[in-house]
Amino acid sequence: MTVIEVTADTCDHCGPSTKAYLYARMPSGRSLSYCGSCGTRYLPGLLEQGATIIDQRHLIGQP
């Protein structure tokens, strides 16, 4: 099982005011978090680099 550590549930690109919905663990061990927009933008590159992904973008807009 791969563990993706998240220090804050916010987008690493947009900052603390934006909730994260896509989480990645890079082969190096680094964990990343992205909002839906950034997650969609960066997902192909993350997968190309061999990242393990947890994609919760389907939860956007849910209470």
N, C-alpha and C. Protein backbone atom coordinates (compact mmCIF):
# COMPACT_ATOMS: atom_id res chain seq x y z
N MET A 1 0.83 -1.18 0.00
CA MET A 1 0.00 0.00 0.00
C MET A 1 0.88 1.24 0.00
N THR A 2 0.57 2.19 -0.86
CA THR A 2 1.30 3.44 -0.93
C THR A 2 0.62 4.47 -0.05
N VAL A 3 1.39 5.16 0.75
CA VAL A 3 0.86 6.20 1.62
C VAL A 3 1.20 7.55 1.01
N ILE A 4 0.19 8.40 0.89
CA ILE A 4 0.40 9.75 0.40
C ILE A 4 0.20 10.68 1.57
N GLU A 5 1.29 11.28 2.04
CA GLU A 5 1.23 12.18 3.18
C GLU A 5 0.79 13.56 2.73
N VAL A 6 -0.18 14.11 3.43
CA VAL A 6 -0.68 15.44 3.11
C VAL A 6 -0.58 16.28 4.37
N THR A 7 0.24 17.33 4.33
CA THR A 7 0.39 18.18 5.51
C THR A 7 -0.77 19.16 5.63
N ALA A 8 -1.31 19.59 4.51
CA ALA A 8 -2.48 20.47 4.49
C ALA A 8 -3.34 20.07 3.30
N ASP A 9 -4.64 20.11 3.47
CA ASP A 9 -5.56 19.69 2.42
C ASP A 9 -5.81 20.86 1.45
N THR A 10 -4.72 21.44 0.97
CA THR A 10 -4.80 22.58 0.07
C THR A 10 -3.91 22.37 -1.14
N CYS A 11 -4.18 23.13 -2.18
CA CYS A 11 -3.42 23.02 -3.42
C CYS A 11 -2.00 23.56 -3.25
N ASP A 12 -1.01 22.75 -3.61
CA ASP A 12 0.39 23.18 -3.52
C ASP A 12 0.71 24.30 -4.50
N HIS A 13 -0.07 24.44 -5.55
CA HIS A 13 0.19 25.48 -6.54
C HIS A 13 -0.56 26.78 -6.22
N CYS A 14 -1.86 26.66 -5.90
CA CYS A 14 -2.70 27.84 -5.67
C CYS A 14 -2.57 28.42 -4.26
N GLY A 15 -2.23 27.58 -3.31
CA GLY A 15 -2.05 28.06 -1.95
C GLY A 15 -3.15 27.63 -1.00
N PRO A 16 -3.07 28.13 0.23
CA PRO A 16 -3.94 27.66 1.31
C PRO A 16 -5.42 28.02 1.17
N SER A 17 -5.76 28.88 0.25
CA SER A 17 -7.17 29.25 0.10
C SER A 17 -7.93 28.31 -0.83
N THR A 18 -7.23 27.31 -1.42
CA THR A 18 -7.85 26.42 -2.40
C THR A 18 -7.74 24.97 -1.95
N LYS A 19 -8.88 24.29 -1.84
CA LYS A 19 -8.93 22.89 -1.38
C LYS A 19 -8.33 21.94 -2.43
N ALA A 20 -7.62 20.95 -1.96
CA ALA A 20 -7.03 19.93 -2.84
C ALA A 20 -8.00 18.79 -3.08
N TYR A 21 -7.97 18.25 -4.30
CA TYR A 21 -8.80 17.11 -4.68
C TYR A 21 -8.00 16.01 -5.38
N LEU A 22 -6.78 16.30 -5.73
CA LEU A 22 -5.94 15.30 -6.39
C LEU A 22 -4.61 15.25 -5.63
N TYR A 23 -4.22 14.04 -5.26
CA TYR A 23 -3.02 13.83 -4.46
C TYR A 23 -2.08 12.91 -5.21
N ALA A 24 -0.79 13.21 -5.13
CA ALA A 24 0.20 12.41 -5.85
C ALA A 24 1.37 12.09 -4.94
N ARG A 25 1.89 10.89 -5.11
CA ARG A 25 3.15 10.52 -4.45
C ARG A 25 4.13 10.18 -5.55
N MET A 26 5.20 10.96 -5.59
CA MET A 26 6.21 10.79 -6.62
C MET A 26 7.12 9.61 -6.26
N PRO A 27 7.77 9.01 -7.26
CA PRO A 27 8.70 7.91 -6.98
C PRO A 27 9.80 8.30 -5.98
N SER A 28 10.11 9.58 -5.90
CA SER A 28 11.13 10.06 -4.95
C SER A 28 10.63 10.02 -3.51
N GLY A 29 9.29 9.88 -3.34
CA GLY A 29 8.70 9.89 -2.01
C GLY A 29 7.99 11.19 -1.68
N ARG A 30 8.17 12.19 -2.50
CA ARG A 30 7.53 13.49 -2.28
C ARG A 30 6.02 13.39 -2.54
N SER A 31 5.22 13.99 -1.66
CA SER A 31 3.78 14.03 -1.84
C SER A 31 3.35 15.41 -2.29
N LEU A 32 2.39 15.46 -3.21
CA LEU A 32 1.87 16.71 -3.75
C LEU A 32 0.35 16.71 -3.68
N SER A 33 -0.25 17.89 -3.56
CA SER A 33 -1.71 18.05 -3.51
C SER A 33 -2.11 19.15 -4.47
N TYR A 34 -3.20 18.92 -5.22
CA TYR A 34 -3.65 19.91 -6.19
C TYR A 34 -5.16 20.06 -6.17
N CYS A 35 -5.62 21.27 -6.47
CA CYS A 35 -7.05 21.51 -6.64
C CYS A 35 -7.49 20.83 -7.94
N GLY A 36 -8.76 20.87 -8.23
CA GLY A 36 -9.27 20.22 -9.44
C GLY A 36 -8.65 20.76 -10.71
N SER A 37 -8.53 22.07 -10.80
CA SER A 37 -7.97 22.70 -12.00
C SER A 37 -6.50 22.33 -12.20
N CYS A 38 -5.71 22.50 -11.16
CA CYS A 38 -4.28 22.17 -11.26
C CYS A 38 -4.08 20.67 -11.42
N GLY A 39 -4.91 19.88 -10.73
CA GLY A 39 -4.82 18.43 -10.86
C GLY A 39 -5.05 17.98 -12.30
N THR A 40 -6.05 18.57 -12.94
CA THR A 40 -6.32 18.24 -14.34
C THR A 40 -5.15 18.64 -15.23
N ARG A 41 -4.58 19.80 -14.95
CA ARG A 41 -3.45 20.31 -15.75
C ARG A 41 -2.21 19.44 -15.58
N TYR A 42 -1.91 19.04 -14.35
CA TYR A 42 -0.65 18.34 -14.07
C TYR A 42 -0.74 16.82 -14.12
N LEU A 43 -1.95 16.25 -14.12
CA LEU A 43 -2.10 14.80 -14.06
C LEU A 43 -1.31 14.05 -15.13
N PRO A 44 -1.37 14.43 -16.41
CA PRO A 44 -0.60 13.68 -17.41
C PRO A 44 0.90 13.62 -17.09
N GLY A 45 1.46 14.73 -16.67
CA GLY A 45 2.88 14.76 -16.34
C GLY A 45 3.21 13.95 -15.10
N LEU A 46 2.32 13.99 -14.12
CA LEU A 46 2.54 13.20 -12.91
C LEU A 46 2.55 11.71 -13.23
N LEU A 47 1.59 11.29 -14.05
CA LEU A 47 1.53 9.88 -14.44
C LEU A 47 2.75 9.49 -15.26
N GLU A 48 3.18 10.38 -16.14
CA GLU A 48 4.36 10.11 -16.97
C GLU A 48 5.61 9.91 -16.11
N GLN A 49 5.65 10.60 -14.98
CA GLN A 49 6.79 10.48 -14.06
C GLN A 49 6.66 9.31 -13.09
N GLY A 50 5.55 8.56 -13.20
CA GLY A 50 5.37 7.37 -12.37
C GLY A 50 4.74 7.62 -11.01
N ALA A 51 4.03 8.74 -10.87
CA ALA A 51 3.39 9.06 -9.59
C ALA A 51 2.21 8.12 -9.31
N THR A 52 1.98 7.87 -8.04
CA THR A 52 0.78 7.19 -7.58
C THR A 52 -0.24 8.28 -7.29
N ILE A 53 -1.47 8.12 -7.79
CA ILE A 53 -2.47 9.18 -7.73
C ILE A 53 -3.68 8.76 -6.92
N ILE A 54 -4.19 9.67 -6.10
CA ILE A 54 -5.52 9.57 -5.51
C ILE A 54 -6.30 10.73 -6.09
N ASP A 55 -7.30 10.41 -6.89
CA ASP A 55 -8.07 11.42 -7.61
C ASP A 55 -9.46 11.52 -7.00
N GLN A 56 -9.73 12.63 -6.34
CA GLN A 56 -11.03 12.85 -5.73
C GLN A 56 -11.76 14.03 -6.38
N ARG A 57 -11.42 14.31 -7.62
CA ARG A 57 -12.06 15.44 -8.30
C ARG A 57 -13.56 15.24 -8.46
N HIS A 58 -14.03 14.00 -8.40
CA HIS A 58 -15.48 13.76 -8.48
C HIS A 58 -16.22 14.34 -7.27
N LEU A 59 -15.50 14.70 -6.22
CA LEU A 59 -16.11 15.27 -5.03
C LEU A 59 -16.27 16.79 -5.10
N ILE A 60 -15.75 17.41 -6.14
CA ILE A 60 -15.85 18.87 -6.26
C ILE A 60 -17.33 19.25 -6.31
N GLY A 61 -17.70 20.19 -5.49
CA GLY A 61 -19.07 20.65 -5.44
C GLY A 61 -19.97 19.88 -4.49
N GLN A 62 -19.43 18.80 -3.91
CA GLN A 62 -20.20 18.01 -2.94
C GLN A 62 -20.13 18.70 -1.58
N PRO A 63 -21.20 18.61 -0.80
CA PRO A 63 -21.19 19.24 0.54
C PRO A 63 -20.21 18.57 1.48
